[in-house]
N, C-alpha and C. Protein backbone atom coordinates (compact mmCIF):
# COMPACT_ATOMS: atom_id res chain seq x y z
N MET A 1 1.59 -31.88 24.24
CA MET A 1 1.36 -30.80 23.29
C MET A 1 2.41 -30.87 22.18
N ASN A 2 1.96 -30.74 20.95
CA ASN A 2 2.87 -30.71 19.81
C ASN A 2 3.56 -29.36 19.77
N ARG A 3 4.83 -29.40 19.47
CA ARG A 3 5.61 -28.17 19.42
C ARG A 3 5.98 -27.86 17.98
N ILE A 4 6.43 -26.62 17.74
CA ILE A 4 6.79 -26.16 16.40
C ILE A 4 8.28 -25.83 16.38
N PHE A 5 8.94 -26.28 15.29
CA PHE A 5 10.37 -26.01 15.09
C PHE A 5 10.60 -25.46 13.70
N PHE A 6 11.72 -24.73 13.56
CA PHE A 6 12.12 -24.15 12.29
C PHE A 6 13.60 -24.45 12.06
N THR A 7 13.95 -24.71 10.82
CA THR A 7 15.34 -25.00 10.47
C THR A 7 15.50 -24.89 8.97
N SER A 8 16.73 -24.91 8.52
CA SER A 8 17.00 -24.96 7.07
C SER A 8 18.45 -25.35 6.81
N ASP A 9 18.70 -25.60 5.54
CA ASP A 9 20.06 -25.78 5.01
C ASP A 9 20.84 -26.93 5.62
N HIS A 10 20.17 -28.06 5.83
CA HIS A 10 20.90 -29.24 6.30
C HIS A 10 21.88 -29.75 5.24
N HIS A 11 21.48 -29.70 3.99
CA HIS A 11 22.33 -30.21 2.91
C HIS A 11 22.75 -31.66 3.19
N PHE A 12 21.80 -32.48 3.65
CA PHE A 12 22.11 -33.89 3.89
C PHE A 12 22.75 -34.48 2.63
N GLY A 13 23.83 -35.23 2.81
CA GLY A 13 24.48 -35.91 1.70
C GLY A 13 25.43 -35.07 0.87
N HIS A 14 25.57 -33.81 1.18
CA HIS A 14 26.36 -32.87 0.37
C HIS A 14 27.77 -32.72 0.97
N ALA A 15 28.70 -33.47 0.46
CA ALA A 15 30.06 -33.47 1.01
C ALA A 15 30.72 -32.09 0.91
N ASN A 16 30.51 -31.38 -0.18
CA ASN A 16 31.19 -30.08 -0.36
C ASN A 16 30.72 -29.01 0.61
N ILE A 17 29.52 -29.16 1.19
CA ILE A 17 29.05 -28.14 2.13
C ILE A 17 29.94 -28.09 3.37
N ILE A 18 30.61 -29.19 3.67
CA ILE A 18 31.52 -29.22 4.82
C ILE A 18 32.62 -28.18 4.66
N LYS A 19 33.22 -28.13 3.48
CA LYS A 19 34.29 -27.14 3.26
C LYS A 19 33.71 -25.76 2.93
N PHE A 20 32.60 -25.71 2.16
CA PHE A 20 32.02 -24.41 1.81
C PHE A 20 31.63 -23.61 3.04
N CYS A 21 31.11 -24.29 4.05
CA CYS A 21 30.62 -23.61 5.26
C CYS A 21 31.50 -23.88 6.48
N ASN A 22 32.63 -24.49 6.25
CA ASN A 22 33.56 -24.76 7.34
C ASN A 22 32.87 -25.53 8.48
N ARG A 23 32.10 -26.54 8.11
CA ARG A 23 31.42 -27.36 9.11
C ARG A 23 32.42 -28.30 9.79
N PRO A 24 32.25 -28.55 11.07
CA PRO A 24 33.24 -29.31 11.84
C PRO A 24 33.13 -30.83 11.71
N PHE A 25 33.03 -31.31 10.48
CA PHE A 25 32.88 -32.74 10.25
C PHE A 25 33.95 -33.20 9.27
N GLU A 26 34.41 -34.43 9.45
CA GLU A 26 35.43 -35.00 8.57
C GLU A 26 34.82 -35.60 7.30
N THR A 27 33.62 -36.19 7.44
CA THR A 27 32.98 -36.87 6.30
C THR A 27 31.51 -36.49 6.23
N VAL A 28 30.91 -36.75 5.08
CA VAL A 28 29.48 -36.50 4.92
C VAL A 28 28.67 -37.43 5.82
N GLU A 29 29.15 -38.65 6.04
CA GLU A 29 28.44 -39.58 6.91
C GLU A 29 28.43 -39.06 8.35
N GLU A 30 29.56 -38.52 8.80
CA GLU A 30 29.63 -37.94 10.15
C GLU A 30 28.69 -36.74 10.27
N MET A 31 28.67 -35.90 9.23
CA MET A 31 27.77 -34.74 9.23
C MET A 31 26.31 -35.20 9.28
N ASN A 32 25.93 -36.12 8.40
CA ASN A 32 24.55 -36.60 8.37
C ASN A 32 24.14 -37.14 9.74
N GLN A 33 25.00 -37.95 10.34
CA GLN A 33 24.69 -38.55 11.64
C GLN A 33 24.50 -37.47 12.71
N ALA A 34 25.39 -36.49 12.75
CA ALA A 34 25.28 -35.41 13.75
C ALA A 34 24.01 -34.59 13.54
N LEU A 35 23.68 -34.30 12.28
CA LEU A 35 22.46 -33.53 11.99
C LEU A 35 21.21 -34.30 12.41
N ILE A 36 21.18 -35.59 12.15
CA ILE A 36 20.05 -36.43 12.56
C ILE A 36 19.94 -36.45 14.08
N GLU A 37 21.05 -36.67 14.76
CA GLU A 37 21.03 -36.73 16.23
C GLU A 37 20.57 -35.41 16.84
N ARG A 38 21.05 -34.29 16.32
CA ARG A 38 20.66 -33.00 16.90
C ARG A 38 19.19 -32.69 16.61
N TRP A 39 18.72 -33.04 15.44
CA TRP A 39 17.29 -32.89 15.11
C TRP A 39 16.47 -33.68 16.12
N ASN A 40 16.77 -34.97 16.26
CA ASN A 40 15.98 -35.85 17.12
C ASN A 40 16.16 -35.57 18.61
N GLU A 41 17.22 -34.91 18.97
CA GLU A 41 17.43 -34.51 20.37
C GLU A 41 16.36 -33.51 20.81
N LYS A 42 15.89 -32.68 19.90
CA LYS A 42 14.89 -31.66 20.21
C LYS A 42 13.48 -32.04 19.77
N VAL A 43 13.36 -32.65 18.62
CA VAL A 43 12.06 -32.89 17.98
C VAL A 43 11.52 -34.26 18.36
N ARG A 44 10.25 -34.26 18.81
CA ARG A 44 9.56 -35.51 19.12
C ARG A 44 8.68 -35.94 17.93
N LYS A 45 8.14 -37.13 18.05
CA LYS A 45 7.40 -37.75 16.95
C LYS A 45 6.31 -36.86 16.36
N ASN A 46 5.49 -36.23 17.17
CA ASN A 46 4.35 -35.47 16.67
C ASN A 46 4.58 -33.96 16.60
N ASP A 47 5.80 -33.52 16.82
CA ASP A 47 6.11 -32.10 16.68
C ASP A 47 6.08 -31.71 15.20
N HIS A 48 5.94 -30.42 14.94
CA HIS A 48 5.89 -29.89 13.58
C HIS A 48 7.22 -29.20 13.27
N VAL A 49 7.84 -29.58 12.15
CA VAL A 49 9.12 -29.01 11.76
C VAL A 49 8.97 -28.36 10.39
N TYR A 50 9.17 -27.05 10.35
CA TYR A 50 9.15 -26.30 9.09
C TYR A 50 10.59 -26.18 8.62
N HIS A 51 10.92 -26.91 7.55
CA HIS A 51 12.27 -26.87 6.99
C HIS A 51 12.25 -25.87 5.84
N ILE A 52 13.07 -24.84 5.95
CA ILE A 52 12.98 -23.70 5.04
C ILE A 52 14.05 -23.81 3.94
N GLY A 53 14.17 -25.00 3.39
CA GLY A 53 14.93 -25.19 2.16
C GLY A 53 16.29 -25.82 2.29
N ASP A 54 16.71 -26.39 1.17
CA ASP A 54 17.98 -27.10 1.00
C ASP A 54 18.09 -28.25 1.99
N PHE A 55 17.13 -29.14 1.90
CA PHE A 55 17.06 -30.30 2.78
C PHE A 55 18.23 -31.25 2.53
N GLY A 56 18.46 -31.60 1.26
CA GLY A 56 19.54 -32.53 0.98
C GLY A 56 19.97 -32.50 -0.47
N ILE A 57 21.23 -32.82 -0.67
CA ILE A 57 21.77 -32.94 -2.03
C ILE A 57 22.41 -34.31 -2.11
N THR A 58 21.60 -35.28 -2.48
CA THR A 58 22.06 -36.66 -2.55
C THR A 58 21.06 -37.45 -3.38
N TYR A 59 21.27 -38.73 -3.49
CA TYR A 59 20.35 -39.59 -4.23
C TYR A 59 19.07 -39.79 -3.42
N LYS A 60 17.98 -39.98 -4.14
CA LYS A 60 16.66 -40.18 -3.54
C LYS A 60 16.69 -41.26 -2.46
N GLU A 61 17.32 -42.40 -2.73
CA GLU A 61 17.33 -43.51 -1.79
C GLU A 61 18.08 -43.15 -0.50
N LYS A 62 19.16 -42.42 -0.62
CA LYS A 62 19.93 -42.01 0.56
C LYS A 62 19.13 -41.00 1.39
N LEU A 63 18.45 -40.07 0.71
CA LEU A 63 17.66 -39.08 1.43
C LEU A 63 16.46 -39.75 2.09
N GLU A 64 15.88 -40.74 1.45
CA GLU A 64 14.75 -41.46 2.04
C GLU A 64 15.18 -42.15 3.35
N ALA A 65 16.35 -42.74 3.37
CA ALA A 65 16.85 -43.39 4.59
C ALA A 65 17.04 -42.37 5.71
N ILE A 66 17.45 -41.17 5.37
CA ILE A 66 17.60 -40.10 6.37
C ILE A 66 16.23 -39.66 6.87
N LEU A 67 15.31 -39.41 5.95
CA LEU A 67 13.96 -38.97 6.32
C LEU A 67 13.27 -39.97 7.25
N GLN A 68 13.51 -41.24 7.05
CA GLN A 68 12.91 -42.27 7.89
C GLN A 68 13.41 -42.19 9.34
N ARG A 69 14.55 -41.60 9.55
CA ARG A 69 15.14 -41.52 10.89
C ARG A 69 14.79 -40.22 11.63
N LEU A 70 14.21 -39.25 10.93
CA LEU A 70 13.95 -37.94 11.54
C LEU A 70 12.58 -37.88 12.19
N ASN A 71 12.53 -37.41 13.42
CA ASN A 71 11.27 -37.24 14.14
C ASN A 71 10.48 -36.07 13.57
N GLY A 72 9.19 -36.08 13.86
CA GLY A 72 8.33 -34.94 13.57
C GLY A 72 7.61 -35.02 12.24
N LYS A 73 6.61 -34.15 12.16
CA LYS A 73 5.87 -33.95 10.92
C LYS A 73 6.58 -32.84 10.17
N LYS A 74 7.06 -33.15 8.98
CA LYS A 74 7.92 -32.24 8.25
C LYS A 74 7.16 -31.48 7.16
N TYR A 75 7.40 -30.18 7.09
CA TYR A 75 6.85 -29.30 6.07
C TYR A 75 8.06 -28.69 5.36
N LEU A 76 8.06 -28.70 4.04
CA LEU A 76 9.23 -28.22 3.31
C LEU A 76 8.92 -26.99 2.49
N ILE A 77 9.64 -25.92 2.78
CA ILE A 77 9.67 -24.75 1.92
C ILE A 77 10.84 -25.00 0.96
N ALA A 78 10.56 -25.09 -0.31
CA ALA A 78 11.59 -25.47 -1.27
C ALA A 78 12.70 -24.43 -1.35
N GLY A 79 13.92 -24.94 -1.32
CA GLY A 79 15.10 -24.12 -1.55
C GLY A 79 15.57 -24.35 -2.97
N ASN A 80 16.82 -24.06 -3.22
CA ASN A 80 17.37 -24.23 -4.56
C ASN A 80 18.02 -25.60 -4.75
N HIS A 81 17.97 -26.48 -3.73
CA HIS A 81 18.54 -27.83 -3.84
C HIS A 81 17.54 -28.85 -3.30
N GLU A 82 16.47 -29.09 -4.01
CA GLU A 82 15.44 -30.02 -3.53
C GLU A 82 15.13 -31.15 -4.50
N GLY A 83 16.06 -31.48 -5.39
CA GLY A 83 15.79 -32.52 -6.38
C GLY A 83 15.32 -33.82 -5.76
N ALA A 84 16.06 -34.35 -4.81
CA ALA A 84 15.70 -35.63 -4.18
C ALA A 84 14.47 -35.47 -3.28
N ALA A 85 14.39 -34.39 -2.53
CA ALA A 85 13.26 -34.19 -1.60
C ALA A 85 11.94 -34.13 -2.37
N LYS A 86 11.93 -33.48 -3.51
CA LYS A 86 10.70 -33.39 -4.30
C LYS A 86 10.28 -34.74 -4.88
N GLN A 87 11.20 -35.69 -4.92
CA GLN A 87 10.86 -37.05 -5.37
C GLN A 87 10.29 -37.89 -4.22
N LEU A 88 10.27 -37.31 -3.01
CA LEU A 88 9.81 -38.03 -1.82
C LEU A 88 8.69 -37.25 -1.10
N PRO A 89 7.66 -36.84 -1.82
CA PRO A 89 6.64 -35.99 -1.22
C PRO A 89 5.89 -36.63 -0.05
N ASN A 90 5.83 -37.94 0.01
CA ASN A 90 5.10 -38.61 1.08
C ASN A 90 5.77 -38.48 2.44
N TYR A 91 7.00 -38.02 2.48
CA TYR A 91 7.70 -37.81 3.75
C TYR A 91 7.46 -36.41 4.31
N PHE A 92 6.73 -35.60 3.56
CA PHE A 92 6.43 -34.24 3.99
C PHE A 92 4.92 -34.04 4.05
N GLU A 93 4.47 -33.24 5.00
CA GLU A 93 3.05 -32.89 5.06
C GLU A 93 2.67 -32.12 3.81
N TRP A 94 3.56 -31.27 3.35
CA TRP A 94 3.45 -30.56 2.08
C TRP A 94 4.81 -30.00 1.69
N ILE A 95 4.92 -29.62 0.42
CA ILE A 95 6.10 -28.92 -0.11
C ILE A 95 5.58 -27.69 -0.83
N LYS A 96 6.07 -26.51 -0.42
CA LYS A 96 5.64 -25.25 -1.01
C LYS A 96 6.84 -24.35 -1.24
N ASP A 97 6.66 -23.35 -2.08
CA ASP A 97 7.73 -22.39 -2.33
C ASP A 97 7.74 -21.28 -1.28
N TYR A 98 6.59 -21.03 -0.66
CA TYR A 98 6.41 -19.89 0.24
C TYR A 98 5.23 -20.25 1.13
N TYR A 99 5.28 -19.78 2.38
CA TYR A 99 4.14 -20.07 3.26
C TYR A 99 4.01 -18.99 4.32
N GLU A 100 2.75 -18.63 4.62
CA GLU A 100 2.45 -17.69 5.70
C GLU A 100 1.81 -18.49 6.83
N LEU A 101 2.57 -18.69 7.90
CA LEU A 101 2.15 -19.48 9.04
C LEU A 101 1.55 -18.58 10.11
N LYS A 102 0.50 -19.08 10.76
CA LYS A 102 -0.10 -18.39 11.90
C LYS A 102 0.05 -19.30 13.11
N VAL A 103 0.73 -18.82 14.14
CA VAL A 103 0.93 -19.60 15.36
C VAL A 103 0.13 -18.96 16.48
N LYS A 104 -0.71 -19.76 17.13
CA LYS A 104 -1.46 -19.25 18.28
C LYS A 104 -0.48 -18.97 19.41
N ASP A 105 -0.56 -17.76 19.96
CA ASP A 105 0.34 -17.35 21.03
C ASP A 105 -0.43 -16.46 22.00
N PRO A 106 -0.81 -16.99 23.17
CA PRO A 106 -1.62 -16.22 24.12
C PRO A 106 -0.89 -15.00 24.69
N ASP A 107 0.42 -14.90 24.52
CA ASP A 107 1.16 -13.74 25.01
C ASP A 107 0.95 -12.50 24.14
N LEU A 108 0.43 -12.69 22.94
CA LEU A 108 0.26 -11.57 22.02
C LEU A 108 -1.14 -10.97 22.13
N LYS A 109 -1.22 -9.69 21.85
CA LYS A 109 -2.47 -8.95 21.98
C LYS A 109 -3.59 -9.58 21.14
N ASN A 110 -3.27 -9.95 19.90
CA ASN A 110 -4.29 -10.56 19.04
C ASN A 110 -4.27 -12.09 19.09
N GLY A 111 -3.36 -12.68 19.88
CA GLY A 111 -3.32 -14.12 20.07
C GLY A 111 -2.68 -14.93 18.96
N VAL A 112 -2.10 -14.25 17.96
CA VAL A 112 -1.53 -14.94 16.81
C VAL A 112 -0.22 -14.28 16.38
N GLN A 113 0.81 -15.10 16.16
CA GLN A 113 2.05 -14.61 15.55
C GLN A 113 2.05 -15.06 14.09
N ARG A 114 2.18 -14.11 13.20
CA ARG A 114 2.27 -14.42 11.78
C ARG A 114 3.75 -14.54 11.42
N ILE A 115 4.05 -15.56 10.59
CA ILE A 115 5.43 -15.82 10.22
C ILE A 115 5.49 -16.13 8.72
N ILE A 116 6.33 -15.40 8.00
CA ILE A 116 6.56 -15.65 6.59
C ILE A 116 7.73 -16.62 6.48
N LEU A 117 7.52 -17.74 5.79
CA LEU A 117 8.55 -18.74 5.59
C LEU A 117 8.94 -18.75 4.12
N PHE A 118 10.19 -18.42 3.84
CA PHE A 118 10.70 -18.36 2.47
C PHE A 118 12.20 -18.65 2.52
N HIS A 119 12.71 -19.40 1.57
CA HIS A 119 14.11 -19.81 1.62
C HIS A 119 15.07 -18.62 1.59
N TYR A 120 14.66 -17.55 0.93
CA TYR A 120 15.54 -16.40 0.75
C TYR A 120 15.12 -15.24 1.66
N ALA A 121 16.10 -14.50 2.14
CA ALA A 121 15.82 -13.32 2.97
C ALA A 121 15.16 -12.25 2.11
N MET A 122 14.22 -11.54 2.73
CA MET A 122 13.54 -10.44 2.05
C MET A 122 13.79 -9.15 2.82
N ARG A 123 13.76 -8.04 2.13
CA ARG A 123 13.91 -6.75 2.80
C ARG A 123 12.58 -6.28 3.38
N VAL A 124 11.51 -6.61 2.70
CA VAL A 124 10.16 -6.30 3.19
C VAL A 124 9.28 -7.52 2.93
N TRP A 125 8.23 -7.66 3.69
CA TRP A 125 7.30 -8.78 3.52
C TRP A 125 5.93 -8.36 4.03
N ARG A 126 4.93 -9.15 3.71
CA ARG A 126 3.55 -8.84 4.07
C ARG A 126 3.43 -8.61 5.58
N SER A 127 2.89 -7.49 5.96
CA SER A 127 2.60 -7.10 7.35
C SER A 127 3.85 -7.03 8.23
N ASP A 128 5.00 -6.77 7.64
CA ASP A 128 6.21 -6.61 8.47
C ASP A 128 6.05 -5.43 9.43
N PHE A 129 5.31 -4.42 9.01
CA PHE A 129 5.09 -3.25 9.87
C PHE A 129 4.18 -3.55 11.05
N ARG A 130 3.52 -4.71 11.03
CA ARG A 130 2.64 -5.12 12.14
C ARG A 130 3.31 -6.15 13.05
N GLY A 131 4.56 -6.47 12.82
CA GLY A 131 5.26 -7.42 13.67
C GLY A 131 5.31 -8.84 13.14
N THR A 132 4.96 -9.03 11.87
CA THR A 132 5.10 -10.35 11.25
C THR A 132 6.58 -10.67 11.10
N TRP A 133 6.95 -11.90 11.44
CA TRP A 133 8.34 -12.33 11.31
C TRP A 133 8.59 -12.89 9.92
N GLN A 134 9.87 -12.89 9.52
CA GLN A 134 10.29 -13.61 8.32
C GLN A 134 11.44 -14.52 8.69
N LEU A 135 11.28 -15.82 8.44
CA LEU A 135 12.32 -16.80 8.70
C LEU A 135 12.83 -17.30 7.36
N TYR A 136 14.16 -17.36 7.22
CA TYR A 136 14.77 -17.72 5.96
C TYR A 136 16.00 -18.59 6.20
N GLY A 137 16.59 -19.04 5.12
CA GLY A 137 17.83 -19.80 5.16
C GLY A 137 18.75 -19.30 4.07
N HIS A 138 19.28 -20.21 3.28
CA HIS A 138 20.08 -19.97 2.09
C HIS A 138 21.45 -19.32 2.33
N SER A 139 21.55 -18.40 3.24
CA SER A 139 22.78 -17.61 3.37
C SER A 139 23.83 -18.23 4.29
N HIS A 140 23.49 -19.30 5.00
CA HIS A 140 24.45 -20.01 5.85
C HIS A 140 25.18 -19.07 6.82
N GLY A 141 24.45 -18.08 7.33
CA GLY A 141 25.04 -17.16 8.30
C GLY A 141 25.90 -16.08 7.71
N ASN A 142 25.95 -15.97 6.39
CA ASN A 142 26.80 -14.96 5.74
C ASN A 142 26.10 -13.64 5.48
N LEU A 143 24.82 -13.57 5.78
CA LEU A 143 24.07 -12.33 5.61
C LEU A 143 23.95 -11.67 6.98
N PRO A 144 24.47 -10.45 7.13
CA PRO A 144 24.40 -9.82 8.46
C PRO A 144 22.95 -9.67 8.94
N ASP A 145 22.73 -9.99 10.20
CA ASP A 145 21.41 -9.85 10.81
C ASP A 145 21.11 -8.37 10.99
N LYS A 146 19.87 -7.98 10.76
CA LYS A 146 19.46 -6.59 10.97
C LYS A 146 18.66 -6.54 12.27
N GLU A 147 19.18 -5.82 13.22
CA GLU A 147 18.56 -5.74 14.54
C GLU A 147 17.22 -5.00 14.54
N ASP A 148 16.95 -4.22 13.50
CA ASP A 148 15.68 -3.48 13.45
C ASP A 148 14.64 -4.17 12.57
N ARG A 149 14.91 -5.42 12.17
CA ARG A 149 13.97 -6.19 11.35
C ARG A 149 13.65 -7.51 12.05
N LEU A 150 12.41 -7.93 12.00
CA LEU A 150 11.98 -9.18 12.64
C LEU A 150 12.16 -10.34 11.66
N ALA A 151 13.42 -10.57 11.29
CA ALA A 151 13.80 -11.64 10.37
C ALA A 151 15.09 -12.28 10.87
N ILE A 152 15.17 -13.61 10.73
CA ILE A 152 16.41 -14.30 11.08
C ILE A 152 16.66 -15.48 10.16
N ASP A 153 17.94 -15.82 10.04
CA ASP A 153 18.39 -17.01 9.34
C ASP A 153 18.26 -18.18 10.31
N VAL A 154 17.40 -19.14 9.99
CA VAL A 154 17.21 -20.30 10.86
C VAL A 154 18.04 -21.49 10.42
N GLY A 155 18.99 -21.27 9.53
CA GLY A 155 19.83 -22.34 9.02
C GLY A 155 20.69 -22.97 10.09
N VAL A 156 20.99 -24.25 9.91
CA VAL A 156 21.75 -25.00 10.90
C VAL A 156 23.14 -24.44 11.15
N ASP A 157 23.72 -23.79 10.16
CA ASP A 157 25.06 -23.23 10.34
C ASP A 157 25.07 -22.08 11.34
N CYS A 158 23.92 -21.50 11.61
CA CYS A 158 23.81 -20.37 12.54
C CYS A 158 23.44 -20.80 13.96
N HIS A 159 23.02 -22.06 14.13
CA HIS A 159 22.44 -22.48 15.40
C HIS A 159 22.99 -23.83 15.87
N ASP A 160 24.30 -23.99 15.75
CA ASP A 160 25.00 -25.18 16.23
C ASP A 160 24.36 -26.47 15.70
N PHE A 161 23.83 -26.39 14.48
CA PHE A 161 23.28 -27.55 13.77
C PHE A 161 22.01 -28.12 14.41
N TYR A 162 21.29 -27.29 15.15
CA TYR A 162 20.02 -27.67 15.77
C TYR A 162 18.86 -26.91 15.13
N PRO A 163 17.66 -27.50 15.11
CA PRO A 163 16.47 -26.72 14.77
C PRO A 163 16.13 -25.79 15.93
N LEU A 164 15.40 -24.73 15.65
CA LEU A 164 14.97 -23.77 16.67
C LEU A 164 13.50 -23.97 16.97
N SER A 165 13.15 -23.97 18.23
CA SER A 165 11.74 -24.05 18.61
C SER A 165 11.09 -22.69 18.42
N TYR A 166 9.77 -22.68 18.38
CA TYR A 166 9.05 -21.41 18.31
C TYR A 166 9.47 -20.51 19.48
N ALA A 167 9.59 -21.07 20.68
CA ALA A 167 9.98 -20.28 21.85
C ALA A 167 11.38 -19.68 21.68
N GLU A 168 12.30 -20.42 21.08
CA GLU A 168 13.65 -19.89 20.84
C GLU A 168 13.63 -18.74 19.83
N VAL A 169 12.85 -18.90 18.76
CA VAL A 169 12.73 -17.83 17.77
C VAL A 169 12.09 -16.61 18.41
N LYS A 170 11.06 -16.83 19.20
CA LYS A 170 10.37 -15.72 19.88
C LYS A 170 11.35 -14.96 20.78
N ALA A 171 12.22 -15.67 21.48
CA ALA A 171 13.20 -15.01 22.36
C ALA A 171 14.20 -14.19 21.54
N ILE A 172 14.62 -14.71 20.40
CA ILE A 172 15.54 -13.95 19.52
C ILE A 172 14.85 -12.69 19.03
N MET A 173 13.61 -12.80 18.59
CA MET A 173 12.88 -11.64 18.09
C MET A 173 12.67 -10.60 19.19
N ALA A 174 12.45 -11.05 20.41
CA ALA A 174 12.22 -10.12 21.53
C ALA A 174 13.45 -9.28 21.84
N ARG A 175 14.63 -9.78 21.52
CA ARG A 175 15.88 -9.04 21.78
C ARG A 175 16.19 -8.02 20.70
N LYS A 176 15.47 -8.05 19.60
CA LYS A 176 15.73 -7.12 18.49
C LYS A 176 15.23 -5.72 18.85
N ASN A 177 15.73 -4.75 18.15
CA ASN A 177 15.36 -3.33 18.38
C ASN A 177 14.29 -2.87 17.39
N TRP A 178 13.32 -3.74 17.12
CA TRP A 178 12.26 -3.40 16.18
C TRP A 178 11.22 -2.52 16.84
N GLU A 179 10.79 -1.50 16.12
CA GLU A 179 9.73 -0.61 16.57
C GLU A 179 8.67 -0.53 15.47
N PRO A 180 7.41 -0.62 15.82
CA PRO A 180 6.37 -0.44 14.77
C PRO A 180 6.51 0.95 14.17
N PRO A 181 6.39 1.08 12.85
CA PRO A 181 6.59 2.38 12.21
C PRO A 181 5.51 3.41 12.50
N PHE A 182 4.31 2.93 12.89
CA PHE A 182 3.22 3.87 13.23
C PHE A 182 2.24 3.19 14.13
């Protein structure tokens, strides 16, 4: 069975992100290697990976070499640093600015979990009052999580540099104190 993963803000090739986000790497090469290894540790060849922006800040050729090493079918929600990624559209199933994903989930009353994918955190989103989730990045863990909202930062800086599976996101959402408004 193909699985679904979510992640963002890898910043492949971006040396300054190491100091900006206090990442535990000495060099950009060490960071890139660790990010690739952690991605491939979880993601298999036919799994689906929704990357919610800021894939890489490097030259097209360097990013292409990284993309060739990453498992899974990749979908890109564009962030504010996608110059090289947008030059490599064939490595992604699609590239969009925003996406509303529906995941079949037999545990839910209606059998579907709706998920809003956008690089930036939102205060409200379509059907948030019905339990729709919002997954975002961009903030690198610097935006406080709201326990009463079904939204989380899926960026690598928040999750030990690993992508999150649908099951992991579902478990995080289940621990929140969200109540339907009516």
